[in-house]
Every structure is written in C-alpha cells, then in structure tokens.
PDB file of N, CA and C in Angstrom:
ATOM      1  N   MET A   1     167.666  83.308 -36.039  1.00  0.00           N
ATOM      2  CA  MET A   1     166.691  83.245 -35.210  1.00  0.00           C
ATOM      3  C   MET A   1     165.496  84.210 -35.771  1.00  0.00           C
ATOM      4  N   PRO A   2     164.193  83.696 -35.531  1.00  0.00           N
ATOM      5  CA  PRO A   2     163.044  84.145 -36.577  1.00  0.00           C
ATOM      6  C   PRO A   2     162.443  85.525 -36.155  1.00  0.00           C
ATOM      7  N   ILE A   3     163.317  86.049 -34.752  1.00  0.00           N
ATOM      8  CA  ILE A   3     162.774  87.541 -34.722  1.00  0.00           C
ATOM      9  C   ILE A   3     163.990  88.539 -35.057  1.00  0.00           C
ATOM     10  N   LEU A   4     163.740  89.382 -35.892  1.00  0.00           N
ATOM     11  CA  LEU A   4     164.648  90.336 -36.275  1.00  0.00           C
ATOM     12  C   LEU A   4     164.482  91.946 -35.878  1.00  0.00           C
ATOM     13  N   VAL A   5     165.486  92.118 -35.048  1.00  0.00           N
ATOM     14  CA  VAL A   5     165.566  93.553 -34.569  1.00  0.00           C
ATOM     15  C   VAL A   5     165.774  94.655 -35.571  1.00  0.00           C
ATOM     16  N   ASN A   6     165.067  95.619 -35.957  1.00  0.00           N
ATOM     17  CA  ASN A   6     165.239  96.743 -36.843  1.00  0.00           C
ATOM     18  C   ASN A   6     165.354  98.067 -36.185  1.00  0.00           C
ATOM     19  N   LEU A   7     166.155  98.236 -34.814  1.00  0.00           N
ATOM     20  CA  LEU A   7     166.233  99.293 -34.348  1.00  0.00           C
ATOM     21  C   LEU A   7     167.455 100.090 -35.137  1.00  0.00           C
ATOM     22  N   ASP A   8     168.358  99.489 -36.150  1.00  0.00           N
ATOM     23  CA  ASP A   8     169.200 100.409 -36.961  1.00  0.00           C
ATOM     24  C   ASP A   8     168.041 101.311 -38.031  1.00  0.00           C
ATOM     25  N   VAL A   9     167.436 100.793 -38.315  1.00  0.00           N
ATOM     26  CA  VAL A   9     166.156 101.229 -39.317  1.00  0.00           C
ATOM     27  C   VAL A   9     165.705 102.603 -38.622  1.00  0.00           C
ATOM     28  N   MET A  10     164.885 102.218 -37.505  1.00  0.00           N
ATOM     29  CA  MET A  10     164.573 103.069 -36.753  1.00  0.00           C
ATOM     30  C   MET A  10     165.393 104.195 -36.435  1.00  0.00           C
ATOM     31  N   LEU A  11     166.570 104.145 -35.754  1.00  0.00           N
ATOM     32  CA  LEU A  11     167.599 105.064 -35.719  1.00  0.00           C
ATOM     33  C   LEU A  11     167.893 105.791 -37.041  1.00  0.00           C
ATOM     34  N   ALA A  12     168.014 105.166 -37.910  1.00  0.00           N
ATOM     35  CA  ALA A  12     168.631 106.341 -39.325  1.00  0.00           C
ATOM     36  C   ALA A  12     166.839 106.995 -39.405  1.00  0.00           C
ATOM     37  N   ARG A  13     165.616 106.246 -39.625  1.00  0.00           N
ATOM     38  CA  ARG A  13     164.648 107.090 -40.082  1.00  0.00           C
ATOM     39  C   ARG A  13     164.709 108.414 -38.888  1.00  0.00           C
ATOM     40  N   ARG A  14     164.767 108.455 -37.485  1.00  0.00           N
ATOM     41  CA  ARG A  14     164.889 109.409 -36.626  1.00  0.00           C
ATOM     42  C   ARG A  14     165.931 110.489 -36.501  1.00  0.00           C
ATOM     43  N   LYS A  15     167.182 109.786 -37.273  1.00  0.00           N
ATOM     44  CA  LYS A  15     168.223 110.318 -37.591  1.00  0.00           C
ATOM     45  C   LYS A  15     168.953 110.824 -36.159  1.00  0.00           C
ATOM     46  N   MET A  16     169.141 109.571 -35.284  1.00  0.00           N
ATOM     47  CA  MET A  16     169.365 109.397 -34.136  1.00  0.00           C
ATOM     48  C   MET A  16     170.604 108.233 -34.042  1.00  0.00           C
ATOM     49  N   THR A  17     171.699 108.358 -32.905  1.00  0.00           N
ATOM     50  CA  THR A  17     172.753 107.949 -32.853  1.00  0.00           C
ATOM     51  C   THR A  17     172.485 106.687 -31.524  1.00  0.00           C
ATOM     52  N   LEU A  18     172.763 105.599 -31.748  1.00  0.00           N
ATOM     53  CA  LEU A  18     172.856 104.567 -30.649  1.00  0.00           C
ATOM     54  C   LEU A  18     173.064 105.508 -29.454  1.00  0.00           C
ATOM     55  N   SER A  19     174.109 106.457 -29.483  1.00  0.00           N
ATOM     56  CA  SER A  19     174.534 106.932 -28.025  1.00  0.00           C
ATOM     57  C   SER A  19     173.616 107.817 -27.512  1.00  0.00           C
ATOM     58  N   ALA A  20     173.079 108.579 -28.725  1.00  0.00           N
ATOM     59  CA  ALA A  20     172.080 109.259 -27.994  1.00  0.00           C
ATOM     60  C   ALA A  20     170.931 108.510 -27.608  1.00  0.00           C
ATOM     61  N   LEU A  21     170.448 107.613 -28.300  1.00  0.00           N
ATOM     62  CA  LEU A  21     169.119 106.624 -27.655  1.00  0.00           C
ATOM     63  C   LEU A  21     169.690 106.119 -26.642  1.00  0.00           C
ATOM     64  N   ALA A  22     170.931 105.696 -26.230  1.00  0.00           N
ATOM     65  CA  ALA A  22     171.409 104.817 -24.621  1.00  0.00           C
ATOM     66  C   ALA A  22     171.243 106.028 -23.745  1.00  0.00           C
ATOM     67  N   GLU A  23     171.150 107.569 -24.054  1.00  0.00           N
ATOM     68  CA  GLU A  23     171.463 108.429 -22.890  1.00  0.00           C
ATOM     69  C   GLU A  23     169.839 108.586 -22.646  1.00  0.00           C
ATOM     70  N   THR A  24     169.174 108.865 -23.660  1.00  0.00           N
ATOM     71  CA  THR A  24     167.618 109.327 -23.631  1.00  0.00           C
ATOM     72  C   THR A  24     166.926 108.005 -22.969  1.00  0.00           C
ATOM     73  N   VAL A  25     167.340 107.147 -23.109  1.00  0.00           N
ATOM     74  CA  VAL A  25     166.591 105.673 -22.434  1.00  0.00           C
ATOM     75  C   VAL A  25     167.260 105.294 -21.080  1.00  0.00           C
ATOM     76  N   GLY A  26     168.506 105.995 -20.613  1.00  0.00           N
ATOM     77  CA  GLY A  26     169.174 105.097 -19.806  1.00  0.00           C
ATOM     78  C   GLY A  26     169.286 104.225 -19.526  1.00  0.00           C
ATOM     79  N   ILE A  27     169.896 103.567 -20.853  1.00  0.00           N
ATOM     80  CA  ILE A  27     170.332 102.445 -20.765  1.00  0.00           C
ATOM     81  C   ILE A  27     172.078 102.221 -21.451  1.00  0.00           C
ATOM     82  N   THR A  28     172.380 101.024 -20.938  1.00  0.00           N
ATOM     83  CA  THR A  28     174.228 101.293 -21.473  1.00  0.00           C
ATOM     84  C   THR A  28     174.389 101.157 -22.839  1.00  0.00           C
ATOM     85  N   LEU A  29     175.360 101.771 -23.622  1.00  0.00           N
ATOM     86  CA  LEU A  29     175.518 101.586 -24.827  1.00  0.00           C
ATOM     87  C   LEU A  29     175.701  99.939 -25.142  1.00  0.00           C
ATOM     88  N   ALA A  30     176.190  99.237 -24.513  1.00  0.00           N
ATOM     89  CA  ALA A  30     176.808  97.797 -24.537  1.00  0.00           C
ATOM     90  C   ALA A  30     175.584  97.281 -24.842  1.00  0.00           C
ATOM     91  N   ASN A  31     174.538  97.474 -23.740  1.00  0.00           N
ATOM     92  CA  ASN A  31     173.413  96.766 -24.082  1.00  0.00           C
ATOM     93  C   ASN A  31     172.347  96.980 -25.031  1.00  0.00           C
ATOM     94  N   LEU A  32     172.376  98.428 -25.752  1.00  0.00           N
ATOM     95  CA  LEU A  32     171.930  98.622 -26.608  1.00  0.00           C
ATOM     96  C   LEU A  32     172.133  97.796 -27.929  1.00  0.00           C
ATOM     97  N   SER A  33     173.766  98.096 -27.992  1.00  0.00           N
ATOM     98  CA  SER A  33     174.617  97.324 -29.114  1.00  0.00           C
ATOM     99  C   SER A  33     174.308  95.785 -29.148  1.00  0.00           C
ATOM    100  N   ILE A  34     173.963  95.021 -27.837  1.00  0.00           N
ATOM    101  CA  ILE A  34     173.667  93.561 -27.943  1.00  0.00           C
ATOM    102  C   ILE A  34     172.272  93.394 -28.644  1.00  0.00           C
ATOM    103  N   LEU A  35     171.147  94.435 -28.269  1.00  0.00           N
ATOM    104  CA  LEU A  35     169.801  94.319 -28.857  1.00  0.00           C
ATOM    105  C   LEU A  35     169.837  94.628 -30.497  1.00  0.00           C
ATOM    106  N   LYS A  36     170.737  96.031 -30.788  1.00  0.00           N
ATOM    107  CA  LYS A  36     170.682  96.093 -32.385  1.00  0.00           C
ATOM    108  C   LYS A  36     171.250  95.282 -33.200  1.00  0.00           C
ATOM    109  N   SER A  37     172.460  94.290 -32.769  1.00  0.00           N
ATOM    110  CA  SER A  37     172.658  93.135 -33.303  1.00  0.00           C
ATOM    111  C   SER A  37     172.074  92.112 -33.640  1.00  0.00           C
ATOM    112  N   GLY A  38     171.117  92.008 -32.737  1.00  0.00           N
ATOM    113  CA  GLY A  38     170.031  90.728 -32.899  1.00  0.00           C
ATOM    114  C   GLY A  38     170.767  89.740 -31.809  1.00  0.00           C
ATOM    115  N   LYS A  39     171.691  90.173 -31.131  1.00  0.00           N
ATOM    116  CA  LYS A  39     172.117  88.958 -30.239  1.00  0.00           C
ATOM    117  C   LYS A  39     171.555  88.527 -29.084  1.00  0.00           C
ATOM    118  N   ALA A  40     170.459  89.566 -28.626  1.00  0.00           N
ATOM    119  CA  ALA A  40     169.652  89.806 -27.558  1.00  0.00           C
ATOM    120  C   ALA A  40     169.168  88.499 -27.186  1.00  0.00           C
ATOM    121  N   LYS A  41     168.708  87.943 -25.934  1.00  0.00           N
ATOM    122  CA  LYS A  41     167.612  86.843 -26.001  1.00  0.00           C
ATOM    123  C   LYS A  41     166.570  87.080 -25.542  1.00  0.00           C
ATOM    124  N   ALA A  42     166.607  88.301 -24.903  1.00  0.00           N
ATOM    125  CA  ALA A  42     165.103  88.798 -24.745  1.00  0.00           C
ATOM    126  C   ALA A  42     165.317  90.251 -24.149  1.00  0.00           C
ATOM    127  N   VAL A  43     164.285  90.720 -24.067  1.00  0.00           N
ATOM    128  CA  VAL A  43     164.155  92.374 -23.848  1.00  0.00           C
ATOM    129  C   VAL A  43     163.004  92.689 -22.750  1.00  0.00           C
ATOM    130  N   ARG A  44     163.362  93.518 -21.932  1.00  0.00           N
ATOM    131  CA  ARG A  44     162.423  93.565 -20.819  1.00  0.00           C
ATOM    132  C   ARG A  44     161.212  94.603 -21.717  1.00  0.00           C
ATOM    133  N   PHE A  45     159.905  94.726 -21.153  1.00  0.00           N
ATOM    134  CA  PHE A  45     158.759  95.353 -21.958  1.00  0.00           C
ATOM    135  C   PHE A  45     158.984  96.816 -21.520  1.00  0.00           C
ATOM    136  N   SER A  46     159.536  97.179 -20.219  1.00  0.00           N
ATOM    137  CA  SER A  46     159.575  98.458 -19.780  1.00  0.00           C
ATOM    138  C   SER A  46     161.007  99.102 -20.598  1.00  0.00           C
ATOM    139  N   THR A  47     162.187  98.306 -21.059  1.00  0.00           N
ATOM    140  CA  THR A  47     163.047  98.737 -21.797  1.00  0.00           C
ATOM    141  C   THR A  47     162.456  99.209 -23.288  1.00  0.00           C
ATOM    142  N   LEU A  48     161.621  98.269 -23.806  1.00  0.00           N
ATOM    143  CA  LEU A  48     160.860  98.104 -25.166  1.00  0.00           C
ATOM    144  C   LEU A  48     160.085  99.614 -25.545  1.00  0.00           C
ATOM    145  N   ALA A  49     159.248  99.477 -24.183  1.00  0.00           N
ATOM    146  CA  ALA A  49     158.515 100.654 -24.202  1.00  0.00           C
ATOM    147  C   ALA A  49     159.270 102.207 -24.491  1.00  0.00           C
ATOM    148  N   ALA A  50     160.499 102.182 -23.320  1.00  0.00           N
ATOM    149  CA  ALA A  50     161.377 103.383 -23.415  1.00  0.00           C
ATOM    150  C   ALA A  50     162.087 103.702 -24.913  1.00  0.00           C
ATOM    151  N   ILE A  51     162.257 102.305 -25.610  1.00  0.00           N
ATOM    152  CA  ILE A  51     162.837 102.866 -26.726  1.00  0.00           C
ATOM    153  C   ILE A  51     161.813 103.326 -27.619  1.00  0.00           C
ATOM    154  N   CYS A  52     160.567 103.073 -27.546  1.00  0.00           N
ATOM    155  CA  CYS A  52     159.536 103.212 -28.463  1.00  0.00           C
ATOM    156  C   CYS A  52     159.436 104.778 -28.206  1.00  0.00           C
ATOM    157  N   GLN A  53     159.067 104.845 -27.173  1.00  0.00           N
ATOM    158  CA  GLN A  53     158.820 106.748 -26.517  1.00  0.00           C
ATOM    159  C   GLN A  53     160.063 107.424 -27.174  1.00  0.00           C
ATOM    160  N   ALA A  54     160.910 106.971 -27.174  1.00  0.00           N
ATOM    161  CA  ALA A  54     162.285 107.953 -27.708  1.00  0.00           C
ATOM    162  C   ALA A  54     162.452 108.096 -28.794  1.00  0.00           C
ATOM    163  N   LEU A  55     161.703 106.991 -29.591  1.00  0.00           N
ATOM    164  CA  LEU A  55     161.854 106.819 -30.913  1.00  0.00           C
ATOM    165  C   LEU A  55     160.585 107.237 -31.952  1.00  0.00           C
ATOM    166  N   GLU A  56     159.690 107.346 -30.921  1.00  0.00           N
ATOM    167  CA  GLU A  56     158.074 107.677 -31.291  1.00  0.00           C
ATOM    168  C   GLU A  56     157.906 106.569 -32.392  1.00  0.00           C
ATOM    169  N   CYS A  57     157.490 105.542 -31.993  1.00  0.00           N
ATOM    170  CA  CYS A  57     157.673 104.131 -32.845  1.00  0.00           C
ATOM    171  C   CYS A  57     156.594 103.167 -32.062  1.00  0.00           C
ATOM    172  N   GLN A  58     156.216 102.070 -32.684  1.00  0.00           N
ATOM    173  CA  GLN A  58     155.352 100.819 -32.165  1.00  0.00           C
ATOM    174  C   GLN A  58     156.302  99.778 -31.686  1.00  0.00           C
ATOM    175  N   PRO A  59     156.235  99.090 -31.491  1.00  0.00           N
ATOM    176  CA  PRO A  59     157.248  97.673 -31.227  1.00  0.00           C
ATOM    177  C   PRO A  59     157.226  96.903 -32.425  1.00  0.00           C
ATOM    178  N   ALA A  60     155.782  96.931 -33.198  1.00  0.00           N
ATOM    179  CA  ALA A  60     156.591  96.257 -34.479  1.00  0.00           C
ATOM    180  C   ALA A  60     157.155  96.977 -35.593  1.00  0.00           C
ATOM    181  N   ASP A  61     157.181  98.324 -35.145  1.00  0.00           N
ATOM    182  CA  ASP A  61     158.748  99.038 -35.702  1.00  0.00           C
ATOM    183  C   ASP A  61     160.041  98.531 -35.735  1.00  0.00           C
ATOM    184  N   LEU A  62     160.068  97.808 -34.464  1.00  0.00           N
ATOM    185  CA  LEU A  62     161.478  97.560 -34.056  1.00  0.00           C
ATOM    186  C   LEU A  62     161.565  95.944 -34.038  1.00  0.00           C
ATOM    187  N   LEU A  63     160.410  95.281 -34.024  1.00  0.00           N
ATOM    188  CA  LEU A  63     160.890  93.475 -34.100  1.00  0.00           C
ATOM    189  C   LEU A  63     159.941  93.129 -34.926  1.00  0.00           C
ATOM    190  N   GLU A  64     160.054  91.855 -35.765  1.00  0.00           N
ATOM    191  CA  GLU A  64     159.834  91.526 -36.971  1.00  0.00           C
ATOM    192  C   GLU A  64     159.945  89.899 -37.038  1.00  0.00           C
ATOM    193  N   HIS A  65     158.747  89.447 -36.928  1.00  0.00           N
ATOM    194  CA  HIS A  65     159.190  87.619 -36.793  1.00  0.00           C
ATOM    195  C   HIS A  65     159.338  87.109 -38.504  1.00  0.00           C
ATOM    196  N   ARG A  66     160.049  86.484 -38.826  1.00  0.00           N
ATOM    197  CA  ARG A  66     160.769  86.166 -40.143  1.00  0.00           C
ATOM    198  C   ARG A  66     160.962  84.558 -39.529  1.00  0.00           C
ATOM    199  N   PRO A  67     160.007  83.553 -39.991  1.00  0.00           N
ATOM    200  CA  PRO A  67     160.524  82.150 -39.717  1.00  0.00           C
ATOM    201  C   PRO A  67     161.385  81.871 -40.551  1.00  0.00           C
ATOM    202  N   ASP A  68     162.114  80.497 -39.981  1.00  0.00           N
ATOM    203  CA  ASP A  68     162.976  80.194 -40.699  1.00  0.00           C
ATOM    204  C   ASP A  68     162.513  78.931 -41.524  1.00  0.00           C
ATOM    205  N   PRO A  69     162.617  79.084 -43.263  1.00  0.00           N
ATOM    206  CA  PRO A  69     162.240  78.318 -43.863  1.00  0.00           C
ATOM    207  C   PRO A  69     162.275  76.666 -43.578  1.00  0.00           C
ATOM    208  N   THR A  70     163.284  76.622 -43.186  1.00  0.00           N
ATOM    209  CA  THR A  70     163.665  75.119 -42.706  1.00  0.00           C
ATOM    210  C   THR A  70     162.608  74.378 -41.173  1.00  0.00           C
ATOM    211  N   ASP A  71     162.281  75.389 -40.778  1.00  0.00           N
ATOM    212  CA  ASP A  71     161.349  74.988 -39.856  1.00  0.00           C
ATOM    213  C   ASP A  71     159.993  74.954 -40.051  1.00  0.00           C
ATOM    214  N   LEU A  72     159.681  75.048 -41.261  1.00  0.00           N
ATOM    215  CA  LEU A  72     157.905  75.242 -41.843  1.00  0.00           C
ATOM    216  C   LEU A  72     157.729  73.594 -41.787  1.00  0.00           C
ATOM    217  N   LYS A  73     156.627  73.275 -41.590  1.00  0.00           N
ATOM    218  CA  LYS A  73     155.866  72.288 -41.871  1.00  0.00           C
ATOM    219  C   LYS A  73     155.579  71.915 -43.304  1.00  0.00           C
ATOM    220  N   PRO A  74     155.914  70.269 -43.609  1.00  0.00           N
ATOM    221  CA  PRO A  74     155.356  70.104 -44.717  1.00  0.00           C
ATOM    222  C   PRO A  74     153.913  70.553 -45.407  1.00  0.00           C
ATOM    223  N   GLY A  75     153.809  71.178 -46.772  1.00  0.00           N
ATOM    224  CA  GLY A  75     152.795  71.704 -46.950  1.00  0.00           C
ATOM    225  C   GLY A  75     152.443  72.891 -46.540  1.00  0.00           C
ATOM    226  N   SER A  76     153.042  73.795 -45.801  1.00  0.00           N
ATOM    227  CA  SER A  76     152.656  74.956 -45.229  1.00  0.00           C
ATOM    228  C   SER A  76     153.562  75.853 -46.553  1.00  0.00           C
ATOM    229  N   GLU A  77     152.936  77.162 -46.293  1.00  0.00           N
ATOM    230  CA  GLU A  77     153.468  78.231 -47.316  1.00  0.00           C
ATOM    231  C   GLU A  77     154.157  79.473 -46.091  1.00  0.00           C
ATOM    232  N   PRO A  78     155.495  80.079 -46.595  1.00  0.00           N
ATOM    233  CA  PRO A  78     155.915  81.180 -45.829  1.00  0.00           C
ATOM    234  C   PRO A  78     155.159  82.262 -45.883  1.00  0.00           C
ATOM    235  N   ASP A  79     155.221  83.095 -44.752  1.00  0.00           N
ATOM    236  CA  ASP A  79     154.523  84.564 -44.938  1.00  0.00           C
ATOM    237  C   ASP A  79     154.999  85.356 -46.188  1.00  0.00           C
TER     238      ASP A  79
END
C-alpha cells in the first residue's frame, strides 16, 4: 500500500505507549493497533486530529505517501 503509517515513530519520539495514546484519545487499543500496523483501510479526520493533538504533531508526521515502483508509468521517476 502506498500510504505508510508512522505512528510507531511518533510514539517513540514522544515516549508514549500505544495504550496511553488509546486512553488519551479515547479509541480502543485494537483500533490503534490496526492503524499502527498499516492494516487500516481508512481513518476518520476526527481520529487523526485527536491523535495529532495528543502527540503534538501534524498529519504529515503520521502519514507518508510512498508510491509502489511497479505502479509508475513508463518514463516517470519515483519521488
């Protein structure tokens, strides 16, 4: 999937556990684990905003677009 979730990186930078984030944000630990593992198909903006507020970060700190090289059109270059 070309969207990477860097939640584990931000948690480490903030020295916060996933459990503490779940409690702060009011989301189940299971749902945060799905997001952290990159298996989530979608994330609500309200959830993203709550996570960003708790971690004092921006959405771009959590989400990264990395195109699949096999999806590139002929003649185009990867970012």
